[in-house]
Amino acid sequence: MHRIFIVEDDTVIAESIRRHISAWGCEVRCADNFENVLSEFVDFDPQLVLMDISLPFFNGYHWCAEIRRISKVPIIFISSASDNMNIVMAVNMGGDDFIAKPFDLDVLTAKVQALLRRSYDFMVPAKLLESGGAVLNVSDATLTFEGNKTELTKNEFKIMQLLLENKGRIVSRDEIMTRLWEGNSFVDENTLSVNVNRLRRKLEDAGLSDFIATKKGIGYMVGE
């Protein structure tokens, strides 16, 4: 089942689109918090976004740029501002298509389905994990925070992924070493400590001080 995220502040239009696309078997969510659309995007981890241009607080171009920092998810702009300048701007900002309002819901759904087929028939969608504004892209082992992307080594990525998959819960050192052993590399207590310390230094350089908490004698955790 594909997940579609609608960023449209006109509740009548948003709900009409949601009902129509849901009837085709998609899971659809409408944005609620227009001050922090990116947080809702990461939480839902959609496979396609329908984005209006005129929105409260920040416009659709802003949120398209923010999403593009962490994801290649297809984005279709929907807007009544359908002059050539806005269409060109939408494409240049990272949009994949532009549909002018008013539109026919069947045409919109057909475009959504076509773009999903082109985007995902031969690839696996990216998986995103988030905590405190830091977003881990599982597909390319990068961590993004405040627009800055940090490359992680194989072991650093596995540690970060396990902690984010269990955010708010203490992950024991044994659990982490077991995850690292899955890569056929021997990891002892000392090696784990070295990897965690290196990861912490990278996080601090990215502006994420004290992101990983140590629970003495037990393991590590990151917050909700």
N, C-alpha and C. Protein backbone atom coordinates (compact mmCIF):
# COMPACT_ATOMS: atom_id res chain seq x y z
N MET A 1 0.85 -1.20 0.00
CA MET A 1 0.00 0.00 0.00
C MET A 1 0.88 1.25 0.00
N HIS A 2 0.67 2.13 -0.97
CA HIS A 2 1.46 3.36 -1.05
C HIS A 2 0.93 4.39 -0.05
N ARG A 3 1.86 5.19 0.48
CA ARG A 3 1.51 6.25 1.43
C ARG A 3 1.62 7.61 0.73
N ILE A 4 0.54 8.38 0.77
CA ILE A 4 0.49 9.69 0.12
C ILE A 4 0.31 10.76 1.20
N PHE A 5 1.13 11.82 1.13
CA PHE A 5 1.08 12.91 2.11
C PHE A 5 0.58 14.16 1.40
N ILE A 6 -0.53 14.73 1.89
CA ILE A 6 -1.13 15.93 1.28
C ILE A 6 -0.80 17.15 2.14
N VAL A 7 -0.14 18.13 1.53
CA VAL A 7 0.17 19.38 2.23
C VAL A 7 -0.68 20.47 1.58
N GLU A 8 -1.88 20.66 2.11
CA GLU A 8 -2.89 21.56 1.55
C GLU A 8 -3.70 22.12 2.71
N ASP A 9 -3.72 23.47 2.85
CA ASP A 9 -4.38 24.06 4.02
C ASP A 9 -5.88 24.27 3.81
N ASP A 10 -6.38 24.12 2.59
CA ASP A 10 -7.83 24.16 2.35
C ASP A 10 -8.37 22.79 2.72
N THR A 11 -9.03 22.69 3.87
CA THR A 11 -9.46 21.39 4.38
C THR A 11 -10.47 20.70 3.46
N VAL A 12 -11.29 21.48 2.75
CA VAL A 12 -12.26 20.88 1.84
C VAL A 12 -11.55 20.18 0.69
N ILE A 13 -10.57 20.87 0.09
CA ILE A 13 -9.81 20.28 -1.01
C ILE A 13 -9.00 19.09 -0.52
N ALA A 14 -8.31 19.26 0.62
CA ALA A 14 -7.48 18.18 1.16
C ALA A 14 -8.29 16.92 1.44
N GLU A 15 -9.46 17.10 2.04
CA GLU A 15 -10.30 15.94 2.38
C GLU A 15 -10.87 15.29 1.12
N SER A 16 -11.20 16.08 0.10
CA SER A 16 -11.70 15.51 -1.16
C SER A 16 -10.63 14.65 -1.82
N ILE A 17 -9.40 15.16 -1.83
CA ILE A 17 -8.29 14.40 -2.41
C ILE A 17 -8.04 13.13 -1.59
N ARG A 18 -8.06 13.28 -0.26
CA ARG A 18 -7.79 12.13 0.61
C ARG A 18 -8.79 11.00 0.35
N ARG A 19 -10.08 11.36 0.31
CA ARG A 19 -11.11 10.33 0.10
C ARG A 19 -10.96 9.66 -1.25
N HIS A 20 -10.69 10.45 -2.28
CA HIS A 20 -10.62 9.90 -3.63
C HIS A 20 -9.43 8.96 -3.80
N ILE A 21 -8.26 9.39 -3.33
CA ILE A 21 -7.06 8.55 -3.50
C ILE A 21 -7.12 7.34 -2.58
N SER A 22 -7.71 7.51 -1.39
CA SER A 22 -7.86 6.37 -0.47
C SER A 22 -8.69 5.26 -1.10
N ALA A 23 -9.67 5.65 -1.91
CA ALA A 23 -10.54 4.65 -2.54
C ALA A 23 -9.78 3.75 -3.51
N TRP A 24 -8.59 4.19 -3.92
CA TRP A 24 -7.75 3.39 -4.82
C TRP A 24 -6.74 2.54 -4.05
N GLY A 25 -6.92 2.46 -2.74
CA GLY A 25 -6.09 1.57 -1.94
C GLY A 25 -4.84 2.19 -1.36
N CYS A 26 -4.73 3.51 -1.40
CA CYS A 26 -3.56 4.18 -0.81
C CYS A 26 -3.85 4.61 0.63
N GLU A 27 -2.80 4.68 1.42
CA GLU A 27 -2.91 5.26 2.76
C GLU A 27 -2.58 6.74 2.64
N VAL A 28 -3.51 7.59 3.02
CA VAL A 28 -3.35 9.03 2.79
C VAL A 28 -3.43 9.80 4.10
N ARG A 29 -2.50 10.71 4.29
CA ARG A 29 -2.52 11.57 5.47
C ARG A 29 -2.44 13.03 5.03
N CYS A 30 -3.21 13.89 5.69
CA CYS A 30 -3.17 15.33 5.42
C CYS A 30 -2.35 16.03 6.51
N ALA A 31 -1.53 16.98 6.11
CA ALA A 31 -0.72 17.74 7.07
C ALA A 31 -1.61 18.52 8.02
N ASP A 32 -1.24 18.54 9.30
CA ASP A 32 -1.97 19.31 10.32
C ASP A 32 -1.15 20.50 10.82
N ASN A 33 0.15 20.28 10.96
CA ASN A 33 1.03 21.29 11.56
C ASN A 33 1.82 22.01 10.46
N PHE A 34 1.31 23.14 10.00
CA PHE A 34 1.95 23.84 8.89
C PHE A 34 3.17 24.64 9.33
N GLU A 35 3.43 24.69 10.63
CA GLU A 35 4.68 25.28 11.11
C GLU A 35 5.84 24.30 11.01
N ASN A 36 5.52 23.00 11.01
CA ASN A 36 6.58 21.99 10.95
C ASN A 36 6.13 20.81 10.09
N VAL A 37 5.98 21.07 8.80
CA VAL A 37 5.56 20.03 7.86
C VAL A 37 6.60 18.92 7.78
N LEU A 38 7.89 19.29 7.90
CA LEU A 38 8.95 18.29 7.76
C LEU A 38 8.85 17.21 8.82
N SER A 39 8.50 17.59 10.04
CA SER A 39 8.37 16.61 11.12
C SER A 39 7.27 15.60 10.80
N GLU A 40 6.12 16.09 10.30
CA GLU A 40 5.03 15.19 9.92
C GLU A 40 5.44 14.31 8.75
N PHE A 41 6.20 14.88 7.80
CA PHE A 41 6.68 14.10 6.66
C PHE A 41 7.54 12.93 7.11
N VAL A 42 8.49 13.20 8.00
CA VAL A 42 9.38 12.15 8.49
C VAL A 42 8.60 11.09 9.26
N ASP A 43 7.65 11.53 10.08
CA ASP A 43 6.86 10.59 10.88
C ASP A 43 6.04 9.64 10.00
N PHE A 44 5.47 10.17 8.91
CA PHE A 44 4.63 9.36 8.02
C PHE A 44 5.46 8.58 7.00
N ASP A 45 6.61 9.16 6.60
CA ASP A 45 7.51 8.54 5.62
C ASP A 45 6.75 8.15 4.35
N PRO A 46 6.15 9.14 3.65
CA PRO A 46 5.32 8.82 2.49
C PRO A 46 6.13 8.46 1.25
N GLN A 47 5.44 7.93 0.26
CA GLN A 47 6.08 7.59 -1.01
C GLN A 47 5.75 8.60 -2.11
N LEU A 48 4.87 9.55 -1.79
CA LEU A 48 4.58 10.66 -2.70
C LEU A 48 3.96 11.79 -1.91
N VAL A 49 4.27 13.03 -2.32
CA VAL A 49 3.74 14.22 -1.64
C VAL A 49 2.97 15.07 -2.64
N LEU A 50 1.77 15.51 -2.24
CA LEU A 50 1.00 16.50 -2.98
C LEU A 50 1.13 17.81 -2.23
N MET A 51 1.72 18.83 -2.86
CA MET A 51 2.11 20.05 -2.15
C MET A 51 1.49 21.30 -2.77
N ASP A 52 0.70 22.04 -1.98
CA ASP A 52 0.22 23.33 -2.43
C ASP A 52 1.36 24.34 -2.31
N ILE A 53 1.27 25.43 -3.06
CA ILE A 53 2.31 26.47 -2.98
C ILE A 53 1.99 27.45 -1.86
N SER A 54 0.76 27.96 -1.82
CA SER A 54 0.36 28.95 -0.81
C SER A 54 -0.07 28.23 0.47
N LEU A 55 0.75 28.37 1.52
CA LEU A 55 0.49 27.71 2.79
C LEU A 55 0.74 28.68 3.94
N PRO A 56 0.18 28.44 5.12
CA PRO A 56 0.48 29.28 6.28
C PRO A 56 1.96 29.14 6.68
N PHE A 57 2.53 30.19 7.23
CA PHE A 57 3.89 30.21 7.79
C PHE A 57 4.96 30.14 6.72
N PHE A 58 5.07 29.03 6.00
CA PHE A 58 6.08 28.88 4.95
C PHE A 58 5.39 28.32 3.70
N ASN A 59 5.85 28.74 2.51
CA ASN A 59 5.17 28.27 1.31
C ASN A 59 5.66 26.88 0.89
N GLY A 60 5.01 26.32 -0.13
CA GLY A 60 5.33 24.98 -0.58
C GLY A 60 6.74 24.83 -1.11
N TYR A 61 7.29 25.91 -1.68
CA TYR A 61 8.67 25.85 -2.17
C TYR A 61 9.64 25.59 -1.02
N HIS A 62 9.38 26.26 0.11
CA HIS A 62 10.24 26.06 1.29
C HIS A 62 10.22 24.61 1.73
N TRP A 63 9.01 24.03 1.84
CA TRP A 63 8.92 22.65 2.34
C TRP A 63 9.44 21.65 1.32
N CYS A 64 9.30 21.96 0.04
CA CYS A 64 9.88 21.10 -0.99
C CYS A 64 11.40 21.06 -0.84
N ALA A 65 12.00 22.23 -0.63
CA ALA A 65 13.46 22.30 -0.45
C ALA A 65 13.90 21.53 0.81
N GLU A 66 13.12 21.66 1.89
CA GLU A 66 13.46 20.96 3.13
C GLU A 66 13.37 19.44 2.94
N ILE A 67 12.33 18.99 2.25
CA ILE A 67 12.18 17.56 1.99
C ILE A 67 13.30 17.06 1.10
N ARG A 68 13.69 17.86 0.10
CA ARG A 68 14.74 17.44 -0.82
C ARG A 68 16.10 17.29 -0.13
N ARG A 69 16.29 17.92 1.02
CA ARG A 69 17.55 17.76 1.76
C ARG A 69 17.71 16.34 2.28
N ILE A 70 16.58 15.65 2.51
CA ILE A 70 16.65 14.33 3.15
C ILE A 70 16.02 13.21 2.32
N SER A 71 15.32 13.54 1.23
CA SER A 71 14.58 12.51 0.52
C SER A 71 14.41 12.85 -0.96
N LYS A 72 14.33 11.81 -1.79
CA LYS A 72 14.05 11.96 -3.21
C LYS A 72 12.61 11.60 -3.54
N VAL A 73 11.76 11.57 -2.54
CA VAL A 73 10.35 11.20 -2.72
C VAL A 73 9.71 12.07 -3.81
N PRO A 74 8.88 11.49 -4.69
CA PRO A 74 8.20 12.30 -5.71
C PRO A 74 7.29 13.35 -5.08
N ILE A 75 7.32 14.56 -5.64
CA ILE A 75 6.50 15.67 -5.17
C ILE A 75 5.72 16.25 -6.34
N ILE A 76 4.40 16.32 -6.20
CA ILE A 76 3.55 16.96 -7.20
C ILE A 76 3.00 18.25 -6.59
N PHE A 77 3.25 19.38 -7.24
CA PHE A 77 2.67 20.64 -6.77
C PHE A 77 1.24 20.76 -7.29
N ILE A 78 0.34 21.22 -6.43
CA ILE A 78 -1.04 21.50 -6.82
C ILE A 78 -1.32 22.95 -6.43
N SER A 79 -1.68 23.79 -7.40
CA SER A 79 -1.84 25.20 -7.07
C SER A 79 -2.67 25.93 -8.11
N SER A 80 -3.36 26.97 -7.65
CA SER A 80 -4.09 27.84 -8.57
C SER A 80 -3.14 28.87 -9.19
N ALA A 81 -1.95 29.02 -8.60
CA ALA A 81 -0.92 29.91 -9.16
C ALA A 81 -0.18 29.17 -10.26
N SER A 82 -0.87 29.02 -11.41
CA SER A 82 -0.36 28.13 -12.46
C SER A 82 0.27 28.89 -13.63
N ASP A 83 0.77 30.11 -13.38
CA ASP A 83 1.48 30.83 -14.43
C ASP A 83 2.83 30.16 -14.68
N ASN A 84 3.45 30.48 -15.80
CA ASN A 84 4.70 29.82 -16.18
C ASN A 84 5.80 29.98 -15.13
N MET A 85 5.86 31.16 -14.51
CA MET A 85 6.91 31.40 -13.52
C MET A 85 6.80 30.42 -12.35
N ASN A 86 5.57 30.21 -11.85
CA ASN A 86 5.39 29.28 -10.73
C ASN A 86 5.64 27.84 -11.13
N ILE A 87 5.27 27.47 -12.34
CA ILE A 87 5.52 26.10 -12.81
C ILE A 87 7.02 25.85 -12.91
N VAL A 88 7.75 26.81 -13.49
CA VAL A 88 9.21 26.68 -13.60
C VAL A 88 9.85 26.64 -12.22
N MET A 89 9.38 27.50 -11.31
CA MET A 89 9.91 27.53 -9.94
C MET A 89 9.68 26.19 -9.25
N ALA A 90 8.49 25.62 -9.42
CA ALA A 90 8.16 24.34 -8.78
C ALA A 90 9.11 23.24 -9.24
N VAL A 91 9.38 23.20 -10.53
CA VAL A 91 10.29 22.18 -11.07
C VAL A 91 11.72 22.43 -10.59
N ASN A 92 12.14 23.67 -10.62
CA ASN A 92 13.50 24.00 -10.19
C ASN A 92 13.74 23.73 -8.71
N MET A 93 12.69 23.81 -7.91
CA MET A 93 12.82 23.56 -6.47
C MET A 93 12.81 22.07 -6.15
N GLY A 94 12.57 21.22 -7.16
CA GLY A 94 12.61 19.78 -6.92
C GLY A 94 11.30 19.07 -7.13
N GLY A 95 10.28 19.78 -7.64
CA GLY A 95 9.00 19.14 -7.91
C GLY A 95 9.08 18.24 -9.14
N ASP A 96 8.27 17.20 -9.15
CA ASP A 96 8.26 16.25 -10.27
C ASP A 96 7.13 16.50 -11.25
N ASP A 97 6.10 17.22 -10.81
CA ASP A 97 4.97 17.51 -11.69
C ASP A 97 4.21 18.70 -11.11
N PHE A 98 3.34 19.30 -11.91
CA PHE A 98 2.54 20.45 -11.48
C PHE A 98 1.13 20.28 -12.01
N ILE A 99 0.14 20.37 -11.13
CA ILE A 99 -1.27 20.26 -11.52
C ILE A 99 -1.98 21.55 -11.10
N ALA A 100 -2.61 22.21 -12.06
CA ALA A 100 -3.27 23.48 -11.79
C ALA A 100 -4.67 23.26 -11.22
N LYS A 101 -5.02 24.08 -10.21
CA LYS A 101 -6.39 24.10 -9.69
C LYS A 101 -7.24 25.01 -10.57
N PRO A 102 -8.53 24.68 -10.75
CA PRO A 102 -9.22 23.46 -10.29
C PRO A 102 -8.82 22.28 -11.17
N PHE A 103 -8.83 21.08 -10.60
CA PHE A 103 -8.45 19.89 -11.36
C PHE A 103 -9.50 18.80 -11.16
N ASP A 104 -9.50 17.85 -12.08
CA ASP A 104 -10.39 16.70 -11.98
C ASP A 104 -9.71 15.65 -11.09
N LEU A 105 -10.43 15.13 -10.11
CA LEU A 105 -9.84 14.19 -9.16
C LEU A 105 -9.37 12.90 -9.84
N ASP A 106 -10.06 12.47 -10.90
CA ASP A 106 -9.63 11.28 -11.63
C ASP A 106 -8.29 11.52 -12.34
N VAL A 107 -8.13 12.72 -12.90
CA VAL A 107 -6.87 13.07 -13.56
C VAL A 107 -5.74 13.13 -12.53
N LEU A 108 -6.01 13.76 -11.38
CA LEU A 108 -5.01 13.83 -10.32
C LEU A 108 -4.59 12.43 -9.89
N THR A 109 -5.56 11.55 -9.66
CA THR A 109 -5.26 10.18 -9.22
C THR A 109 -4.45 9.43 -10.28
N ALA A 110 -4.79 9.62 -11.55
CA ALA A 110 -4.04 8.96 -12.62
C ALA A 110 -2.59 9.42 -12.64
N LYS A 111 -2.36 10.72 -12.43
CA LYS A 111 -1.00 11.25 -12.40
C LYS A 111 -0.23 10.70 -11.19
N VAL A 112 -0.91 10.61 -10.05
CA VAL A 112 -0.29 10.06 -8.85
C VAL A 112 0.14 8.61 -9.08
N GLN A 113 -0.77 7.82 -9.65
CA GLN A 113 -0.47 6.41 -9.89
C GLN A 113 0.66 6.23 -10.90
N ALA A 114 0.68 7.07 -11.94
CA ALA A 114 1.73 6.98 -12.95
C ALA A 114 3.10 7.32 -12.36
N LEU A 115 3.14 8.36 -11.52
CA LEU A 115 4.41 8.77 -10.92
C LEU A 115 4.90 7.73 -9.91
N LEU A 116 3.98 7.11 -9.18
CA LEU A 116 4.36 6.04 -8.26
C LEU A 116 4.96 4.86 -9.02
N ARG A 117 4.35 4.50 -10.16
CA ARG A 117 4.88 3.39 -10.96
C ARG A 117 6.29 3.70 -11.47
N ARG A 118 6.47 4.90 -11.99
CA ARG A 118 7.78 5.28 -12.53
C ARG A 118 8.84 5.33 -11.44
N SER A 119 8.43 5.73 -10.26
CA SER A 119 9.40 5.95 -9.17
C SER A 119 9.77 4.67 -8.44
N TYR A 120 8.83 3.72 -8.34
CA TYR A 120 9.07 2.60 -7.42
C TYR A 120 9.04 1.21 -8.05
N ASP A 121 8.74 1.09 -9.34
CA ASP A 121 8.73 -0.24 -9.94
C ASP A 121 10.10 -0.92 -9.87
N PHE A 122 11.17 -0.12 -9.93
CA PHE A 122 12.50 -0.71 -9.98
C PHE A 122 13.40 -0.23 -8.84
N MET A 123 12.79 0.25 -7.78
CA MET A 123 13.62 0.69 -6.65
C MET A 123 12.85 0.51 -5.35
N VAL A 124 13.62 0.47 -4.24
CA VAL A 124 13.04 0.36 -2.91
C VAL A 124 12.94 1.76 -2.31
N PRO A 125 11.76 2.18 -1.81
CA PRO A 125 11.64 3.51 -1.21
C PRO A 125 12.58 3.69 -0.02
N ALA A 126 13.04 4.93 0.16
CA ALA A 126 13.92 5.21 1.29
C ALA A 126 13.16 5.10 2.60
N LYS A 127 13.86 4.67 3.63
CA LYS A 127 13.26 4.62 4.96
C LYS A 127 13.94 5.70 5.80
N LEU A 128 13.15 6.49 6.51
CA LEU A 128 13.67 7.58 7.32
C LEU A 128 13.37 7.33 8.79
N LEU A 129 14.37 7.61 9.64
CA LEU A 129 14.22 7.53 11.09
C LEU A 129 14.60 8.88 11.66
N GLU A 130 13.84 9.36 12.66
CA GLU A 130 14.07 10.72 13.16
C GLU A 130 14.02 10.80 14.67
N SER A 131 14.82 11.70 15.22
CA SER A 131 14.75 12.05 16.65
C SER A 131 15.38 13.42 16.82
N GLY A 132 14.67 14.30 17.51
CA GLY A 132 15.22 15.62 17.82
C GLY A 132 15.63 16.44 16.62
N GLY A 133 14.97 16.22 15.48
CA GLY A 133 15.31 16.97 14.28
C GLY A 133 16.39 16.32 13.43
N ALA A 134 17.04 15.28 13.95
CA ALA A 134 18.04 14.54 13.18
C ALA A 134 17.35 13.43 12.41
N VAL A 135 17.65 13.32 11.12
CA VAL A 135 16.98 12.34 10.26
C VAL A 135 18.01 11.40 9.66
N LEU A 136 17.84 10.10 9.90
CA LEU A 136 18.71 9.07 9.33
C LEU A 136 18.03 8.49 8.10
N ASN A 137 18.71 8.57 6.95
CA ASN A 137 18.21 7.96 5.72
C ASN A 137 18.83 6.58 5.61
N VAL A 138 18.01 5.55 5.79
CA VAL A 138 18.51 4.17 5.83
C VAL A 138 19.03 3.73 4.46
N SER A 139 18.53 4.35 3.39
CA SER A 139 18.93 3.92 2.05
C SER A 139 20.35 4.34 1.68
N ASP A 140 20.85 5.42 2.26
CA ASP A 140 22.20 5.85 1.90
C ASP A 140 23.11 6.10 3.11
N ALA A 141 22.67 5.69 4.30
CA ALA A 141 23.49 5.77 5.52
C ALA A 141 23.98 7.18 5.80
N THR A 142 23.09 8.19 5.63
CA THR A 142 23.45 9.56 5.95
C THR A 142 22.53 10.09 7.04
N LEU A 143 23.07 11.00 7.85
CA LEU A 143 22.31 11.65 8.91
C LEU A 143 22.23 13.14 8.59
N THR A 144 21.02 13.69 8.57
CA THR A 144 20.84 15.11 8.24
C THR A 144 20.27 15.84 9.45
N PHE A 145 20.90 16.99 9.76
CA PHE A 145 20.43 17.83 10.86
C PHE A 145 20.60 19.28 10.47
N GLU A 146 19.50 20.04 10.51
CA GLU A 146 19.49 21.46 10.15
C GLU A 146 20.12 21.70 8.79
N GLY A 147 19.79 20.82 7.85
CA GLY A 147 20.24 21.00 6.48
C GLY A 147 21.62 20.46 6.17
N ASN A 148 22.35 20.03 7.20
CA ASN A 148 23.71 19.51 6.99
C ASN A 148 23.70 17.99 7.01
N LYS A 149 24.33 17.38 6.00
CA LYS A 149 24.34 15.93 5.86
C LYS A 149 25.68 15.37 6.33
N THR A 150 25.62 14.31 7.15
CA THR A 150 26.82 13.65 7.68
C THR A 150 26.88 12.21 7.18
N GLU A 151 28.01 11.84 6.57
CA GLU A 151 28.22 10.46 6.12
C GLU A 151 28.65 9.60 7.30
N LEU A 152 28.07 8.42 7.43
CA LEU A 152 28.40 7.51 8.52
C LEU A 152 29.11 6.27 7.98
N THR A 153 30.04 5.71 8.77
CA THR A 153 30.65 4.44 8.41
C THR A 153 29.63 3.33 8.62
N LYS A 154 29.96 2.12 8.16
CA LYS A 154 29.03 0.99 8.28
C LYS A 154 28.64 0.75 9.73
N ASN A 155 29.63 0.70 10.63
CA ASN A 155 29.31 0.44 12.04
C ASN A 155 28.58 1.61 12.69
N GLU A 156 28.99 2.84 12.36
CA GLU A 156 28.30 4.01 12.92
C GLU A 156 26.83 4.01 12.49
N PHE A 157 26.60 3.69 11.24
CA PHE A 157 25.23 3.65 10.72
C PHE A 157 24.40 2.59 11.45
N LYS A 158 24.97 1.40 11.65
CA LYS A 158 24.22 0.33 12.31
C LYS A 158 23.88 0.70 13.75
N ILE A 159 24.82 1.34 14.44
CA ILE A 159 24.55 1.79 15.82
C ILE A 159 23.44 2.83 15.83
N MET A 160 23.55 3.83 14.92
CA MET A 160 22.56 4.90 14.87
C MET A 160 21.18 4.35 14.49
N GLN A 161 21.13 3.44 13.54
CA GLN A 161 19.85 2.85 13.13
C GLN A 161 19.19 2.11 14.28
N LEU A 162 19.96 1.31 15.00
CA LEU A 162 19.40 0.53 16.12
C LEU A 162 18.88 1.45 17.21
N LEU A 163 19.62 2.51 17.53
CA LEU A 163 19.19 3.44 18.58
C LEU A 163 17.92 4.19 18.17
N LEU A 164 17.85 4.61 16.90
CA LEU A 164 16.66 5.34 16.44
C LEU A 164 15.45 4.43 16.30
N GLU A 165 15.67 3.18 15.96
CA GLU A 165 14.55 2.23 15.90
C GLU A 165 13.97 1.97 17.29
N ASN A 166 14.78 2.27 18.32
CA ASN A 166 14.34 2.02 19.70
C ASN A 166 14.39 3.30 20.52
N LYS A 167 14.12 4.46 19.88
CA LYS A 167 14.27 5.73 20.59
C LYS A 167 13.35 5.78 21.81
N GLY A 168 13.88 6.32 22.89
CA GLY A 168 13.15 6.36 24.15
C GLY A 168 13.35 5.12 24.99
N ARG A 169 14.09 4.15 24.45
CA ARG A 169 14.34 2.90 25.17
C ARG A 169 15.85 2.65 25.23
N ILE A 170 16.31 2.12 26.36
CA ILE A 170 17.73 1.79 26.49
C ILE A 170 18.04 0.56 25.64
N VAL A 171 19.07 0.67 24.82
CA VAL A 171 19.54 -0.46 24.01
C VAL A 171 20.83 -0.97 24.65
N SER A 172 20.85 -2.23 25.03
CA SER A 172 22.01 -2.78 25.73
C SER A 172 23.21 -2.88 24.81
N ARG A 173 24.39 -2.89 25.41
CA ARG A 173 25.62 -3.05 24.63
C ARG A 173 25.61 -4.40 23.90
N ASP A 174 25.06 -5.42 24.53
CA ASP A 174 24.99 -6.74 23.88
C ASP A 174 24.14 -6.68 22.62
N GLU A 175 23.01 -5.95 22.67
CA GLU A 175 22.15 -5.82 21.48
C GLU A 175 22.91 -5.15 20.34
N ILE A 176 23.65 -4.11 20.68
CA ILE A 176 24.40 -3.37 19.65
C ILE A 176 25.50 -4.25 19.06
N MET A 177 26.22 -4.98 19.91
CA MET A 177 27.29 -5.84 19.41
C MET A 177 26.72 -6.94 18.52
N THR A 178 25.55 -7.47 18.89
CA THR A 178 24.90 -8.48 18.05
C THR A 178 24.58 -7.92 16.68
N ARG A 179 24.07 -6.67 16.61
CA ARG A 179 23.76 -6.03 15.32
C ARG A 179 25.04 -5.86 14.50
N LEU A 180 26.13 -5.49 15.15
CA LEU A 180 27.39 -5.29 14.43
C LEU A 180 27.97 -6.63 13.95
N TRP A 181 27.79 -7.68 14.75
CA TRP A 181 28.29 -9.00 14.34
C TRP A 181 27.59 -9.51 13.09
N GLU A 182 26.37 -9.03 12.83
CA GLU A 182 25.64 -9.47 11.64
C GLU A 182 26.39 -9.14 10.37
N GLY A 183 27.29 -8.17 10.44
CA GLY A 183 28.09 -7.80 9.28
C GLY A 183 29.36 -8.62 9.16
N ASN A 184 29.44 -9.72 9.91
CA ASN A 184 30.59 -10.63 9.86
C ASN A 184 31.90 -9.98 10.32
N SER A 185 31.80 -8.96 11.16
CA SER A 185 33.01 -8.36 11.72
C SER A 185 32.98 -8.55 13.24
N PHE A 186 34.11 -8.98 13.78
CA PHE A 186 34.19 -9.24 15.22
C PHE A 186 34.21 -7.91 15.97
N VAL A 187 33.34 -7.81 16.96
CA VAL A 187 33.25 -6.58 17.77
C VAL A 187 33.26 -6.97 19.24
N ASP A 188 34.24 -6.44 19.98
CA ASP A 188 34.27 -6.69 21.42
C ASP A 188 33.86 -5.40 22.14
N GLU A 189 33.90 -5.44 23.48
CA GLU A 189 33.47 -4.29 24.29
C GLU A 189 34.27 -3.04 23.94
N ASN A 190 35.57 -3.19 23.78
CA ASN A 190 36.43 -2.05 23.50
C ASN A 190 36.14 -1.46 22.12
N THR A 191 35.95 -2.34 21.13
CA THR A 191 35.66 -1.88 19.77
C THR A 191 34.34 -1.12 19.73
N LEU A 192 33.35 -1.61 20.48
CA LEU A 192 32.07 -0.92 20.53
C LEU A 192 32.23 0.48 21.11
N SER A 193 32.98 0.60 22.21
CA SER A 193 33.19 1.91 22.83
C SER A 193 33.87 2.87 21.86
N VAL A 194 34.85 2.37 21.10
CA VAL A 194 35.55 3.21 20.12
C VAL A 194 34.57 3.71 19.06
N ASN A 195 33.71 2.80 18.56
CA ASN A 195 32.75 3.19 17.53
C ASN A 195 31.73 4.20 18.04
N VAL A 196 31.26 4.01 19.27
CA VAL A 196 30.29 4.95 19.84
C VAL A 196 30.93 6.32 20.03
N ASN A 197 32.17 6.35 20.50
CA ASN A 197 32.86 7.63 20.70
C ASN A 197 33.08 8.37 19.37
N ARG A 198 33.45 7.62 18.33
CA ARG A 198 33.62 8.24 17.01
C ARG A 198 32.30 8.80 16.50
N LEU A 199 31.24 8.04 16.71
CA LEU A 199 29.91 8.48 16.28
C LEU A 199 29.51 9.75 17.03
N ARG A 200 29.77 9.77 18.32
CA ARG A 200 29.43 10.96 19.12
C ARG A 200 30.18 12.20 18.63
N ARG A 201 31.45 12.03 18.26
CA ARG A 201 32.22 13.17 17.76
C ARG A 201 31.62 13.70 16.46
N LYS A 202 31.19 12.78 15.59
CA LYS A 202 30.55 13.21 14.34
C LYS A 202 29.24 13.96 14.63
N LEU A 203 28.49 13.44 15.58
CA LEU A 203 27.22 14.08 15.93
C LEU A 203 27.46 15.47 16.52
N GLU A 204 28.47 15.60 17.36
CA GLU A 204 28.80 16.91 17.94
C GLU A 204 29.21 17.90 16.86
N ASP A 205 30.02 17.43 15.88
CA ASP A 205 30.43 18.29 14.77
C ASP A 205 29.22 18.75 13.95
N ALA A 206 28.17 17.92 13.94
CA ALA A 206 26.95 18.26 13.19
C ALA A 206 25.99 19.11 14.02
N GLY A 207 26.36 19.43 15.27
CA GLY A 207 25.51 20.24 16.14
C GLY A 207 24.61 19.45 17.05
N LEU A 208 24.90 18.14 17.19
CA LEU A 208 24.05 17.27 18.02
C LEU A 208 24.82 16.81 19.26
N SER A 209 25.04 17.72 20.17
CA SER A 209 25.73 17.40 21.42
C SER A 209 24.81 16.59 22.33
N ASP A 210 25.38 15.62 23.03
CA ASP A 210 24.64 14.79 23.99
C ASP A 210 23.44 14.09 23.36
N PHE A 211 23.54 13.78 22.07
CA PHE A 211 22.44 13.12 21.37
C PHE A 211 22.27 11.68 21.85
N ILE A 212 23.39 11.00 22.09
CA ILE A 212 23.37 9.62 22.59
C ILE A 212 23.67 9.64 24.09
N ALA A 213 22.74 9.18 24.88
CA ALA A 213 22.93 9.13 26.34
C ALA A 213 23.46 7.77 26.75
N THR A 214 24.41 7.77 27.70
CA THR A 214 24.95 6.52 28.25
C THR A 214 24.20 6.15 29.52
N LYS A 215 23.73 4.93 29.59
CA LYS A 215 23.13 4.41 30.81
C LYS A 215 24.14 3.43 31.40
N LYS A 216 24.87 3.92 32.40
CA LYS A 216 26.04 3.21 32.91
C LYS A 216 25.72 1.76 33.29
N GLY A 217 26.53 0.87 32.75
CA GLY A 217 26.38 -0.54 33.06
C GLY A 217 25.28 -1.24 32.28
N ILE A 218 24.55 -0.46 31.44
CA ILE A 218 23.43 -1.06 30.70
C ILE A 218 23.63 -0.89 29.19
N GLY A 219 23.66 0.36 28.73
CA GLY A 219 23.81 0.59 27.29
C GLY A 219 23.61 2.04 26.94
N TYR A 220 22.92 2.31 25.81
CA TYR A 220 22.79 3.67 25.29
C TYR A 220 21.34 3.89 24.83
N MET A 221 20.99 5.18 24.69
CA MET A 221 19.65 5.50 24.18
C MET A 221 19.64 6.90 23.58
N VAL A 222 18.65 7.14 22.70
CA VAL A 222 18.37 8.49 22.21
C VAL A 222 16.94 8.82 22.61
N GLY A 223 16.64 10.10 22.71
CA GLY A 223 15.32 10.52 23.19
C GLY A 223 14.25 10.38 22.13
N GLU A 224 13.00 10.55 22.57
CA GLU A 224 11.84 10.47 21.66
C GLU A 224 11.89 11.61 20.65
